[in-house]
Amino acid sequence: MNNDEIRVMNTSDEPAAPLHESDSSDFDSGFDENKTIVREVIRETPVKIDEQQVDDGFSVVFKEPKRLALFILSIVIALALIIAGGVLIGTKSDEQTGADYGAGSSYKTITTDASETVYVNNVYQYFKFVPQTSGTYSFYTVSGGDTCGQLYDSSFVVLTSDDDSGNGNNFKISRYLTSGVTYYIGVRSYGSSFSCTLYVIKV
């Protein structure tokens, strides 16, 4: 480099104005002051910076940002846990909502004062019921096993459920229903599979 002229690169990548040897003392003090400022920035930066390059070329070069990578990874993990938690906690079973089925599906229709033989297991089986007159209706099973029942509205939202209000371990549901409105009744067993008889009567 020519002794008549000294150039230094700053962080803006633009060349500084030429400095003559007569100004070298001012340059040295200014350069040291700028390096001190950069070092202060380094101490406040969440990622590691190569200080040696600050000394040599007065430029800031980021090394592998380990802390930043860990921070991003922690965010990803947190989001994954939130999503998983929403799936595990927010999603209800069909015993609670019947949402896995829906009113758009086709189900066998049962009528008042009629019975239906049902082979039950631990998965709900559904029947459609449309009362001809408004009033209180009872749905129940007769069996030697343990049954559970749920009553749904026309949108397949649970209105009520029961486990052992009937004889033995059979369910029994009684509810006021409106004529002409579609309802659904779900029947299942606990544990083993067996045949039972489902009854619908108007009280």
N, C-alpha and C. Protein backbone atom coordinates (compact mmCIF):
# COMPACT_ATOMS: atom_id res chain seq x y z
N MET A 1 0.86 -1.19 0.00
CA MET A 1 0.00 0.00 0.00
C MET A 1 0.89 1.23 0.00
N ASN A 2 0.49 2.27 -0.71
CA ASN A 2 1.25 3.52 -0.81
C ASN A 2 1.30 4.20 0.54
N ASN A 3 2.52 4.68 0.93
CA ASN A 3 2.67 5.34 2.23
C ASN A 3 1.96 6.67 2.29
N ASP A 4 1.66 7.24 1.11
CA ASP A 4 0.99 8.55 1.10
C ASP A 4 -0.48 8.45 1.42
N GLU A 5 -1.02 7.24 1.43
CA GLU A 5 -2.47 7.13 1.55
C GLU A 5 -2.83 5.88 2.32
N ILE A 6 -3.78 5.98 3.24
CA ILE A 6 -4.25 4.83 4.02
C ILE A 6 -5.76 4.77 3.87
N ARG A 7 -6.32 3.59 3.55
CA ARG A 7 -7.76 3.43 3.42
C ARG A 7 -8.20 2.32 4.37
N VAL A 8 -9.42 2.44 4.90
CA VAL A 8 -9.97 1.41 5.79
C VAL A 8 -11.43 1.21 5.42
N MET A 9 -11.88 -0.05 5.48
CA MET A 9 -13.28 -0.36 5.14
C MET A 9 -14.11 -0.30 6.40
N ASN A 10 -15.20 0.41 6.35
CA ASN A 10 -16.12 0.45 7.49
C ASN A 10 -17.28 -0.50 7.24
N THR A 11 -18.22 -0.54 8.17
CA THR A 11 -19.32 -1.51 8.08
C THR A 11 -20.28 -1.20 6.95
N SER A 12 -20.24 -0.04 6.36
CA SER A 12 -21.14 0.28 5.25
C SER A 12 -20.58 -0.18 3.92
N ASP A 13 -19.35 -0.79 3.93
CA ASP A 13 -18.70 -1.27 2.72
C ASP A 13 -18.32 -0.16 1.75
N GLU A 14 -18.37 1.08 2.18
CA GLU A 14 -17.95 2.19 1.34
C GLU A 14 -16.59 2.68 1.82
N PRO A 15 -15.67 3.00 0.91
CA PRO A 15 -14.33 3.42 1.34
C PRO A 15 -14.36 4.74 2.05
N ALA A 16 -13.56 4.81 3.11
CA ALA A 16 -13.45 6.08 3.81
C ALA A 16 -12.57 7.02 3.01
N ALA A 17 -12.63 8.29 3.35
CA ALA A 17 -11.81 9.28 2.65
C ALA A 17 -10.34 9.01 2.93
N PRO A 18 -9.45 9.28 1.94
CA PRO A 18 -8.02 9.04 2.13
C PRO A 18 -7.49 9.84 3.30
N LEU A 19 -6.58 9.22 4.04
CA LEU A 19 -5.94 9.88 5.16
C LEU A 19 -4.44 9.93 4.92
N HIS A 20 -3.84 11.06 5.10
CA HIS A 20 -2.40 11.20 4.90
C HIS A 20 -1.69 10.87 6.20
N GLU A 21 -0.41 10.63 6.09
CA GLU A 21 0.37 10.24 7.25
C GLU A 21 0.30 11.27 8.35
N SER A 22 0.12 12.53 7.96
CA SER A 22 0.04 13.58 8.97
C SER A 22 -1.20 13.44 9.84
N ASP A 23 -2.21 12.68 9.30
CA ASP A 23 -3.46 12.51 10.04
C ASP A 23 -3.52 11.16 10.74
N SER A 24 -2.44 10.41 10.77
CA SER A 24 -2.47 9.03 11.27
C SER A 24 -2.86 8.95 12.72
N SER A 25 -2.48 9.92 13.54
CA SER A 25 -2.85 9.87 14.95
C SER A 25 -4.35 10.00 15.13
N ASP A 26 -4.98 10.89 14.34
CA ASP A 26 -6.44 11.02 14.40
C ASP A 26 -7.11 9.75 13.93
N PHE A 27 -6.55 9.13 12.90
CA PHE A 27 -7.14 7.89 12.39
C PHE A 27 -7.09 6.78 13.43
N ASP A 28 -5.89 6.63 14.07
CA ASP A 28 -5.73 5.56 15.07
C ASP A 28 -6.72 5.72 16.20
N SER A 29 -6.88 6.94 16.70
CA SER A 29 -7.81 7.14 17.82
C SER A 29 -9.24 6.91 17.39
N GLY A 30 -9.60 7.35 16.18
CA GLY A 30 -10.97 7.13 15.69
C GLY A 30 -11.25 5.67 15.44
N PHE A 31 -10.26 4.97 14.90
CA PHE A 31 -10.44 3.55 14.62
C PHE A 31 -10.64 2.77 15.91
N ASP A 32 -9.82 3.07 16.93
CA ASP A 32 -9.96 2.39 18.22
C ASP A 32 -11.31 2.68 18.84
N GLU A 33 -11.77 3.90 18.70
CA GLU A 33 -13.08 4.27 19.26
C GLU A 33 -14.20 3.50 18.58
N ASN A 34 -14.11 3.36 17.25
CA ASN A 34 -15.13 2.62 16.51
C ASN A 34 -15.12 1.15 16.89
N LYS A 35 -13.91 0.59 17.08
CA LYS A 35 -13.83 -0.81 17.48
C LYS A 35 -14.47 -1.02 18.85
N THR A 36 -14.30 -0.04 19.73
CA THR A 36 -14.92 -0.13 21.06
C THR A 36 -16.44 -0.15 20.93
N ILE A 37 -16.96 0.68 20.05
CA ILE A 37 -18.42 0.71 19.84
C ILE A 37 -18.91 -0.63 19.31
N VAL A 38 -18.16 -1.18 18.35
CA VAL A 38 -18.56 -2.48 17.78
C VAL A 38 -18.53 -3.56 18.85
N ARG A 39 -17.52 -3.53 19.72
CA ARG A 39 -17.45 -4.52 20.79
C ARG A 39 -18.65 -4.41 21.72
N GLU A 40 -19.12 -3.19 21.96
CA GLU A 40 -20.32 -3.02 22.78
C GLU A 40 -21.52 -3.67 22.10
N VAL A 41 -21.59 -3.51 20.78
CA VAL A 41 -22.68 -4.15 20.03
C VAL A 41 -22.59 -5.66 20.14
N ILE A 42 -21.35 -6.17 20.09
CA ILE A 42 -21.15 -7.62 20.18
C ILE A 42 -21.70 -8.16 21.49
N ARG A 43 -21.42 -7.45 22.56
CA ARG A 43 -21.87 -7.93 23.87
C ARG A 43 -23.39 -7.96 23.98
N GLU A 44 -24.08 -7.13 23.20
CA GLU A 44 -25.53 -7.08 23.26
C GLU A 44 -26.20 -7.96 22.20
N THR A 45 -25.40 -8.61 21.36
CA THR A 45 -25.95 -9.40 20.27
C THR A 45 -26.19 -10.84 20.72
N PRO A 46 -27.38 -11.42 20.41
CA PRO A 46 -27.70 -12.77 20.88
C PRO A 46 -26.97 -13.87 20.12
N VAL A 47 -26.20 -13.52 19.09
CA VAL A 47 -25.45 -14.53 18.36
C VAL A 47 -23.98 -14.20 18.43
N LYS A 48 -23.15 -15.17 18.13
CA LYS A 48 -21.71 -14.99 18.26
C LYS A 48 -21.13 -14.28 17.04
N ILE A 49 -20.26 -13.30 17.30
CA ILE A 49 -19.65 -12.52 16.23
C ILE A 49 -18.14 -12.70 16.28
N ASP A 50 -17.52 -12.73 15.12
CA ASP A 50 -16.08 -12.90 15.04
C ASP A 50 -15.39 -11.58 15.33
N GLU A 51 -14.87 -11.41 16.57
CA GLU A 51 -14.24 -10.16 16.95
C GLU A 51 -12.91 -9.96 16.23
N GLN A 52 -12.23 -11.04 15.88
CA GLN A 52 -10.94 -10.90 15.22
C GLN A 52 -11.08 -10.17 13.90
N GLN A 53 -12.17 -10.43 13.20
CA GLN A 53 -12.39 -9.74 11.94
C GLN A 53 -12.70 -8.27 12.17
N VAL A 54 -13.24 -7.95 13.34
CA VAL A 54 -13.43 -6.55 13.68
C VAL A 54 -12.07 -5.87 13.82
N ASP A 55 -11.13 -6.58 14.47
CA ASP A 55 -9.79 -6.02 14.64
C ASP A 55 -9.08 -5.86 13.30
N ASP A 56 -9.19 -6.89 12.45
CA ASP A 56 -8.40 -6.90 11.22
C ASP A 56 -8.99 -6.01 10.13
N GLY A 57 -10.27 -6.13 9.91
CA GLY A 57 -10.84 -5.42 8.78
C GLY A 57 -11.97 -4.49 9.12
N PHE A 58 -12.28 -4.34 10.41
CA PHE A 58 -13.37 -3.48 10.86
C PHE A 58 -14.69 -3.85 10.18
N SER A 59 -14.95 -5.15 10.11
CA SER A 59 -16.21 -5.65 9.56
C SER A 59 -16.79 -6.65 10.53
N VAL A 60 -18.10 -6.76 10.55
CA VAL A 60 -18.79 -7.67 11.45
C VAL A 60 -19.30 -8.86 10.66
N VAL A 61 -18.85 -10.05 11.00
CA VAL A 61 -19.25 -11.26 10.29
C VAL A 61 -19.86 -12.22 11.30
N PHE A 62 -21.08 -12.65 11.06
CA PHE A 62 -21.76 -13.56 11.96
C PHE A 62 -21.26 -14.98 11.74
N LYS A 63 -20.87 -15.62 12.85
CA LYS A 63 -20.56 -17.04 12.78
C LYS A 63 -21.86 -17.84 12.85
N GLU A 64 -21.75 -19.15 13.03
CA GLU A 64 -22.94 -20.00 13.13
C GLU A 64 -23.81 -19.50 14.28
N PRO A 65 -25.02 -19.04 13.99
CA PRO A 65 -25.86 -18.46 15.06
C PRO A 65 -26.52 -19.54 15.90
N LYS A 66 -25.75 -20.14 16.78
CA LYS A 66 -26.26 -21.28 17.55
C LYS A 66 -27.43 -20.88 18.44
N ARG A 67 -27.29 -19.75 19.10
CA ARG A 67 -28.38 -19.35 19.98
C ARG A 67 -29.65 -19.05 19.19
N LEU A 68 -29.47 -18.39 18.05
CA LEU A 68 -30.63 -18.09 17.22
C LEU A 68 -31.28 -19.37 16.72
N ALA A 69 -30.45 -20.35 16.33
CA ALA A 69 -30.99 -21.63 15.87
C ALA A 69 -31.76 -22.33 16.98
N LEU A 70 -31.22 -22.30 18.20
CA LEU A 70 -31.92 -22.92 19.33
C LEU A 70 -33.22 -22.20 19.62
N PHE A 71 -33.21 -20.88 19.47
CA PHE A 71 -34.43 -20.11 19.71
C PHE A 71 -35.51 -20.48 18.70
N ILE A 72 -35.12 -20.56 17.42
CA ILE A 72 -36.08 -20.93 16.39
C ILE A 72 -36.59 -22.35 16.62
N LEU A 73 -35.69 -23.25 17.00
CA LEU A 73 -36.09 -24.63 17.27
C LEU A 73 -37.08 -24.70 18.42
N SER A 74 -36.85 -23.89 19.45
CA SER A 74 -37.77 -23.90 20.60
C SER A 74 -39.15 -23.42 20.19
N ILE A 75 -39.21 -22.44 19.27
CA ILE A 75 -40.50 -21.96 18.79
C ILE A 75 -41.22 -23.05 18.02
N VAL A 76 -40.48 -23.75 17.15
CA VAL A 76 -41.08 -24.84 16.37
C VAL A 76 -41.63 -25.93 17.29
N ILE A 77 -40.85 -26.30 18.31
CA ILE A 77 -41.30 -27.33 19.25
C ILE A 77 -42.53 -26.86 20.00
N ALA A 78 -42.53 -25.60 20.43
CA ALA A 78 -43.68 -25.06 21.17
C ALA A 78 -44.93 -25.09 20.31
N LEU A 79 -44.81 -24.69 19.04
CA LEU A 79 -45.96 -24.71 18.14
C LEU A 79 -46.45 -26.13 17.93
N ALA A 80 -45.51 -27.07 17.80
CA ALA A 80 -45.90 -28.47 17.61
C ALA A 80 -46.67 -28.98 18.82
N LEU A 81 -46.22 -28.61 20.02
CA LEU A 81 -46.90 -29.04 21.24
C LEU A 81 -48.28 -28.42 21.34
N ILE A 82 -48.40 -27.15 20.94
CA ILE A 82 -49.70 -26.48 20.99
C ILE A 82 -50.68 -27.16 20.04
N ILE A 83 -50.18 -27.45 18.82
CA ILE A 83 -51.05 -28.12 17.85
C ILE A 83 -51.44 -29.50 18.33
N ALA A 84 -50.44 -30.24 18.84
CA ALA A 84 -50.73 -31.59 19.36
C ALA A 84 -51.70 -31.52 20.52
N GLY A 85 -51.49 -30.53 21.39
CA GLY A 85 -52.39 -30.37 22.52
C GLY A 85 -53.80 -30.07 22.08
N GLY A 86 -53.92 -29.25 21.03
CA GLY A 86 -55.25 -28.96 20.52
C GLY A 86 -55.94 -30.19 19.98
N VAL A 87 -55.16 -31.06 19.33
CA VAL A 87 -55.73 -32.30 18.81
C VAL A 87 -56.15 -33.22 19.92
N LEU A 88 -55.25 -33.37 20.93
CA LEU A 88 -55.52 -34.32 22.01
C LEU A 88 -56.58 -33.83 22.98
N ILE A 89 -56.56 -32.52 23.27
CA ILE A 89 -57.47 -31.99 24.28
C ILE A 89 -58.77 -31.50 23.66
N GLY A 90 -58.66 -30.82 22.51
CA GLY A 90 -59.84 -30.20 21.95
C GLY A 90 -60.75 -31.16 21.20
N THR A 91 -60.23 -32.26 20.69
CA THR A 91 -61.04 -33.20 19.92
C THR A 91 -61.77 -34.13 20.86
N LYS A 92 -63.08 -34.14 20.76
CA LYS A 92 -63.88 -35.01 21.62
C LYS A 92 -64.13 -36.34 20.92
N SER A 93 -64.36 -37.36 21.69
CA SER A 93 -64.65 -38.66 21.13
C SER A 93 -66.08 -38.67 20.61
N ASP A 94 -66.40 -39.68 19.80
CA ASP A 94 -67.76 -39.77 19.28
C ASP A 94 -68.76 -40.03 20.39
N GLU A 95 -68.30 -40.52 21.54
CA GLU A 95 -69.19 -40.69 22.67
C GLU A 95 -69.68 -39.34 23.18
N GLN A 96 -68.88 -38.31 23.00
CA GLN A 96 -69.25 -36.99 23.48
C GLN A 96 -70.02 -36.19 22.45
N THR A 97 -69.72 -36.37 21.16
CA THR A 97 -70.33 -35.51 20.15
C THR A 97 -71.04 -36.26 19.04
N GLY A 98 -70.60 -37.45 18.70
CA GLY A 98 -71.15 -38.13 17.55
C GLY A 98 -70.72 -37.49 16.25
N ALA A 99 -69.73 -36.60 16.29
CA ALA A 99 -69.35 -35.81 15.14
C ALA A 99 -68.69 -36.63 14.03
N ASP A 100 -68.22 -37.83 14.34
CA ASP A 100 -67.59 -38.65 13.32
C ASP A 100 -68.62 -39.25 12.36
N TYR A 101 -69.87 -39.07 12.63
CA TYR A 101 -70.91 -39.68 11.81
C TYR A 101 -71.69 -38.61 11.07
N GLY A 102 -72.60 -37.94 11.71
CA GLY A 102 -73.27 -36.81 11.08
C GLY A 102 -74.65 -37.12 10.56
N ALA A 103 -75.44 -36.06 10.46
CA ALA A 103 -76.83 -36.21 10.06
C ALA A 103 -76.98 -36.55 8.58
N GLY A 104 -75.91 -36.33 7.80
CA GLY A 104 -76.00 -36.61 6.38
C GLY A 104 -75.93 -38.09 6.06
N SER A 105 -75.54 -38.90 7.00
CA SER A 105 -75.43 -40.34 6.77
C SER A 105 -76.79 -41.01 6.83
N SER A 106 -76.83 -42.22 6.34
CA SER A 106 -78.09 -42.97 6.32
C SER A 106 -78.14 -43.95 7.48
N TYR A 107 -79.21 -43.85 8.28
CA TYR A 107 -79.37 -44.73 9.43
C TYR A 107 -80.76 -45.37 9.40
N LYS A 108 -80.84 -46.53 9.98
CA LYS A 108 -82.12 -47.22 10.05
C LYS A 108 -83.07 -46.45 10.94
N THR A 109 -84.32 -46.31 10.52
CA THR A 109 -85.32 -45.56 11.28
C THR A 109 -86.05 -46.50 12.24
N ILE A 110 -86.21 -46.05 13.47
CA ILE A 110 -87.01 -46.78 14.45
C ILE A 110 -88.26 -45.96 14.75
N THR A 111 -89.30 -46.64 15.19
CA THR A 111 -90.58 -45.97 15.42
C THR A 111 -91.04 -46.18 16.86
N THR A 112 -92.05 -45.41 17.24
CA THR A 112 -92.59 -45.50 18.60
C THR A 112 -93.24 -46.85 18.83
N ASP A 113 -93.12 -47.34 20.06
CA ASP A 113 -93.70 -48.61 20.48
C ASP A 113 -93.22 -49.78 19.63
N ALA A 114 -91.99 -49.66 19.17
CA ALA A 114 -91.40 -50.75 18.39
C ALA A 114 -90.07 -51.12 19.05
N SER A 115 -89.58 -52.29 18.72
CA SER A 115 -88.30 -52.73 19.27
C SER A 115 -87.36 -53.08 18.14
N GLU A 116 -86.09 -53.02 18.43
CA GLU A 116 -85.07 -53.31 17.43
C GLU A 116 -83.97 -54.15 18.08
N THR A 117 -83.69 -55.30 17.47
CA THR A 117 -82.61 -56.13 17.97
C THR A 117 -81.28 -55.58 17.46
N VAL A 118 -80.38 -55.34 18.39
CA VAL A 118 -79.11 -54.71 18.03
C VAL A 118 -77.96 -55.57 18.57
N TYR A 119 -77.02 -55.88 17.69
CA TYR A 119 -75.81 -56.56 18.14
C TYR A 119 -74.80 -55.46 18.45
N VAL A 120 -74.55 -55.25 19.73
CA VAL A 120 -73.74 -54.11 20.14
C VAL A 120 -72.31 -54.51 20.46
N ASN A 121 -71.41 -53.56 20.29
CA ASN A 121 -70.02 -53.67 20.72
C ASN A 121 -69.60 -52.31 21.26
N ASN A 122 -68.31 -52.07 21.36
CA ASN A 122 -67.87 -50.82 21.99
C ASN A 122 -67.83 -49.63 21.02
N VAL A 123 -68.45 -49.79 19.85
CA VAL A 123 -68.60 -48.70 18.89
C VAL A 123 -70.08 -48.39 18.74
N TYR A 124 -70.42 -47.10 18.77
CA TYR A 124 -71.83 -46.71 18.69
C TYR A 124 -72.46 -47.13 17.37
N GLN A 125 -73.69 -47.62 17.48
CA GLN A 125 -74.55 -47.85 16.33
C GLN A 125 -75.71 -46.86 16.43
N TYR A 126 -76.08 -46.27 15.29
CA TYR A 126 -77.03 -45.16 15.31
C TYR A 126 -78.33 -45.50 14.60
N PHE A 127 -79.41 -44.91 15.15
CA PHE A 127 -80.74 -45.07 14.58
C PHE A 127 -81.42 -43.71 14.50
N LYS A 128 -82.24 -43.57 13.49
CA LYS A 128 -82.96 -42.31 13.27
C LYS A 128 -84.36 -42.42 13.85
N PHE A 129 -84.81 -41.34 14.49
CA PHE A 129 -86.16 -41.33 15.07
C PHE A 129 -86.81 -39.97 14.84
N VAL A 130 -88.03 -39.99 14.28
CA VAL A 130 -88.81 -38.76 14.05
C VAL A 130 -90.16 -38.94 14.73
N PRO A 131 -90.38 -38.30 15.87
CA PRO A 131 -91.66 -38.46 16.58
C PRO A 131 -92.83 -37.87 15.78
N GLN A 132 -93.93 -38.57 15.80
CA GLN A 132 -95.13 -38.09 15.11
C GLN A 132 -95.87 -37.04 15.92
N THR A 133 -95.76 -37.13 17.23
CA THR A 133 -96.37 -36.14 18.12
C THR A 133 -95.35 -35.71 19.16
N SER A 134 -95.51 -34.50 19.65
CA SER A 134 -94.60 -34.00 20.69
C SER A 134 -94.91 -34.67 22.02
N GLY A 135 -93.91 -34.87 22.82
CA GLY A 135 -94.11 -35.49 24.12
C GLY A 135 -92.80 -36.07 24.64
N THR A 136 -92.88 -36.76 25.77
CA THR A 136 -91.70 -37.38 26.38
C THR A 136 -91.57 -38.81 25.88
N TYR A 137 -90.40 -39.14 25.41
CA TYR A 137 -90.13 -40.47 24.89
C TYR A 137 -88.98 -41.10 25.68
N SER A 138 -89.06 -42.42 25.81
CA SER A 138 -88.01 -43.16 26.50
C SER A 138 -87.33 -44.12 25.53
N PHE A 139 -86.03 -44.15 25.59
CA PHE A 139 -85.21 -45.07 24.80
C PHE A 139 -84.43 -45.92 25.80
N TYR A 140 -84.49 -47.23 25.64
CA TYR A 140 -83.76 -48.09 26.58
C TYR A 140 -83.48 -49.45 25.94
N THR A 141 -82.55 -50.16 26.53
CA THR A 141 -82.23 -51.50 26.06
C THR A 141 -82.55 -52.52 27.14
N VAL A 142 -82.77 -53.74 26.68
CA VAL A 142 -82.94 -54.89 27.57
C VAL A 142 -81.89 -55.91 27.16
N SER A 143 -81.02 -56.26 28.09
CA SER A 143 -79.96 -57.23 27.79
C SER A 143 -79.35 -57.70 29.10
N GLY A 144 -78.49 -58.69 29.00
CA GLY A 144 -77.76 -59.16 30.16
C GLY A 144 -76.40 -58.51 30.27
N GLY A 145 -76.13 -57.55 29.39
CA GLY A 145 -74.82 -56.90 29.40
C GLY A 145 -74.90 -55.46 29.89
N ASP A 146 -73.87 -54.71 29.58
CA ASP A 146 -73.74 -53.32 30.01
C ASP A 146 -73.80 -52.43 28.78
N THR A 147 -74.86 -51.62 28.67
CA THR A 147 -75.03 -50.76 27.50
C THR A 147 -74.97 -49.29 27.87
N CYS A 148 -74.72 -48.48 26.87
CA CYS A 148 -74.69 -47.03 27.02
C CYS A 148 -75.43 -46.43 25.83
N GLY A 149 -76.15 -45.35 26.07
CA GLY A 149 -76.90 -44.71 24.99
C GLY A 149 -76.72 -43.21 24.97
N GLN A 150 -76.87 -42.64 23.77
CA GLN A 150 -76.83 -41.19 23.61
C GLN A 150 -77.93 -40.75 22.67
N LEU A 151 -78.53 -39.59 22.98
CA LEU A 151 -79.56 -39.00 22.14
C LEU A 151 -79.00 -37.73 21.51
N TYR A 152 -79.18 -37.60 20.17
CA TYR A 152 -78.64 -36.47 19.43
C TYR A 152 -79.77 -35.69 18.76
N ASP A 153 -79.51 -34.41 18.50
CA ASP A 153 -80.48 -33.63 17.74
C ASP A 153 -80.24 -33.84 16.25
N SER A 154 -80.92 -33.07 15.40
CA SER A 154 -80.84 -33.27 13.95
C SER A 154 -79.46 -32.93 13.39
N SER A 155 -78.67 -32.17 14.12
CA SER A 155 -77.30 -31.83 13.69
C SER A 155 -76.26 -32.75 14.31
N PHE A 156 -76.72 -33.78 14.97
CA PHE A 156 -75.87 -34.77 15.63
C PHE A 156 -75.10 -34.18 16.81
N VAL A 157 -75.71 -33.24 17.48
CA VAL A 157 -75.17 -32.70 18.73
C VAL A 157 -75.81 -33.47 19.88
N VAL A 158 -75.00 -33.90 20.84
CA VAL A 158 -75.50 -34.70 21.95
C VAL A 158 -76.48 -33.89 22.80
N LEU A 159 -77.67 -34.45 23.00
CA LEU A 159 -78.66 -33.85 23.89
C LEU A 159 -78.53 -34.41 25.30
N THR A 160 -78.34 -35.70 25.38
CA THR A 160 -78.17 -36.35 26.69
C THR A 160 -77.59 -37.74 26.48
N SER A 161 -77.06 -38.31 27.54
CA SER A 161 -76.52 -39.67 27.47
C SER A 161 -76.78 -40.37 28.80
N ASP A 162 -76.68 -41.69 28.77
CA ASP A 162 -76.94 -42.45 30.00
C ASP A 162 -76.20 -43.78 29.93
N ASP A 163 -75.95 -44.31 31.12
CA ASP A 163 -75.25 -45.58 31.21
C ASP A 163 -76.12 -46.66 31.86
N ASP A 164 -76.48 -46.49 33.11
CA ASP A 164 -77.12 -47.57 33.86
C ASP A 164 -78.46 -47.20 34.49
N SER A 165 -79.22 -46.30 33.86
CA SER A 165 -80.51 -45.93 34.46
C SER A 165 -81.61 -46.94 34.20
N GLY A 166 -81.37 -47.88 33.28
CA GLY A 166 -82.35 -48.91 33.01
C GLY A 166 -82.18 -50.11 33.92
N ASN A 167 -82.81 -51.20 33.57
CA ASN A 167 -82.69 -52.42 34.36
C ASN A 167 -81.28 -52.99 34.23
N GLY A 168 -80.75 -53.45 35.37
CA GLY A 168 -79.41 -54.01 35.35
C GLY A 168 -78.40 -52.94 34.98
N ASN A 169 -77.58 -53.26 34.00
CA ASN A 169 -76.58 -52.30 33.51
C ASN A 169 -76.96 -51.70 32.17
N ASN A 170 -78.25 -51.65 31.89
CA ASN A 170 -78.73 -51.09 30.63
C ASN A 170 -78.99 -49.60 30.76
N PHE A 171 -78.86 -48.89 29.65
CA PHE A 171 -79.14 -47.46 29.67
C PHE A 171 -80.63 -47.20 29.49
N LYS A 172 -81.06 -46.02 29.92
CA LYS A 172 -82.42 -45.55 29.67
C LYS A 172 -82.40 -44.03 29.60
N ILE A 173 -82.94 -43.51 28.49
CA ILE A 173 -82.99 -42.06 28.28
C ILE A 173 -84.43 -41.65 28.09
N SER A 174 -84.85 -40.64 28.84
CA SER A 174 -86.19 -40.07 28.67
C SER A 174 -86.03 -38.58 28.37
N ARG A 175 -86.75 -38.12 27.34
CA ARG A 175 -86.57 -36.73 26.91
C ARG A 175 -87.81 -36.25 26.18
N TYR A 176 -88.13 -34.97 26.38
CA TYR A 176 -89.24 -34.36 25.63
C TYR A 176 -88.75 -34.06 24.22
N LEU A 177 -89.50 -34.57 23.24
CA LEU A 177 -89.13 -34.39 21.84
C LEU A 177 -90.26 -33.69 21.08
N THR A 178 -89.89 -32.97 20.04
CA THR A 178 -90.84 -32.21 19.24
C THR A 178 -91.24 -32.99 18.00
N SER A 179 -92.50 -32.97 17.67
CA SER A 179 -92.99 -33.73 16.51
C SER A 179 -92.37 -33.21 15.21
N GLY A 180 -92.08 -34.14 14.31
CA GLY A 180 -91.54 -33.79 13.01
C GLY A 180 -90.05 -33.48 12.99
N VAL A 181 -89.42 -33.44 14.14
CA VAL A 181 -87.99 -33.14 14.22
C VAL A 181 -87.20 -34.45 14.22
N THR A 182 -86.09 -34.45 13.51
CA THR A 182 -85.25 -35.65 13.43
C THR A 182 -84.31 -35.74 14.63
N TYR A 183 -84.28 -36.91 15.23
CA TYR A 183 -83.35 -37.20 16.33
C TYR A 183 -82.60 -38.48 15.99
N TYR A 184 -81.49 -38.68 16.68
CA TYR A 184 -80.71 -39.90 16.51
C TYR A 184 -80.40 -40.49 17.88
N ILE A 185 -80.42 -41.82 17.94
CA ILE A 185 -80.08 -42.52 19.17
C ILE A 185 -78.88 -43.42 18.88
N GLY A 186 -77.89 -43.34 19.74
CA GLY A 186 -76.70 -44.18 19.59
C GLY A 186 -76.64 -45.21 20.70
N VAL A 187 -76.27 -46.44 20.34
CA VAL A 187 -76.23 -47.54 21.30
C VAL A 187 -74.88 -48.24 21.19
N ARG A 188 -74.28 -48.54 22.34
CA ARG A 188 -73.03 -49.29 22.37
C ARG A 188 -72.97 -50.11 23.64
N SER A 189 -71.98 -50.99 23.70
CA SER A 189 -71.76 -51.80 24.91
C SER A 189 -70.42 -51.43 25.52
N TYR A 190 -70.24 -51.88 26.74
CA TYR A 190 -68.95 -51.76 27.40
C TYR A 190 -68.32 -53.14 27.46
N GLY A 191 -67.11 -53.25 26.95
CA GLY A 191 -66.40 -54.53 27.03
C GLY A 191 -66.78 -55.48 25.92
N SER A 192 -67.60 -56.48 26.23
CA SER A 192 -67.91 -57.55 25.29
C SER A 192 -68.98 -57.14 24.28
N SER A 193 -69.14 -57.98 23.28
CA SER A 193 -70.19 -57.79 22.27
C SER A 193 -71.33 -58.76 22.56
N PHE A 194 -72.55 -58.30 22.33
CA PHE A 194 -73.72 -59.15 22.60
C PHE A 194 -74.94 -58.53 21.92
N SER A 195 -76.01 -59.28 21.91
CA SER A 195 -77.27 -58.80 21.34
C SER A 195 -78.14 -58.20 22.43
N CYS A 196 -78.81 -57.12 22.09
CA CYS A 196 -79.76 -56.50 23.01
C CYS A 196 -80.98 -56.04 22.22
N THR A 197 -82.00 -55.64 22.94
CA THR A 197 -83.21 -55.13 22.29
C THR A 197 -83.38 -53.67 22.67
N LEU A 198 -83.52 -52.82 21.64
CA LEU A 198 -83.71 -51.39 21.84
C LEU A 198 -85.20 -51.07 21.74
N TYR A 199 -85.72 -50.37 22.73
CA TYR A 199 -87.14 -50.01 22.76
C TYR A 199 -87.30 -48.49 22.71
N VAL A 200 -88.39 -48.05 22.06
CA VAL A 200 -88.78 -46.64 22.06
C VAL A 200 -90.25 -46.58 22.41
N ILE A 201 -90.56 -45.88 23.50
CA ILE A 201 -91.97 -45.75 23.90
C ILE A 201 -92.27 -44.29 24.23
N LYS A 202 -93.52 -43.91 24.03
CA LYS A 202 -93.95 -42.58 24.44
C LYS A 202 -94.52 -42.68 25.84
N VAL A 203 -94.01 -41.86 26.73
CA VAL A 203 -94.41 -41.93 28.14
C VAL A 203 -95.78 -41.30 28.31
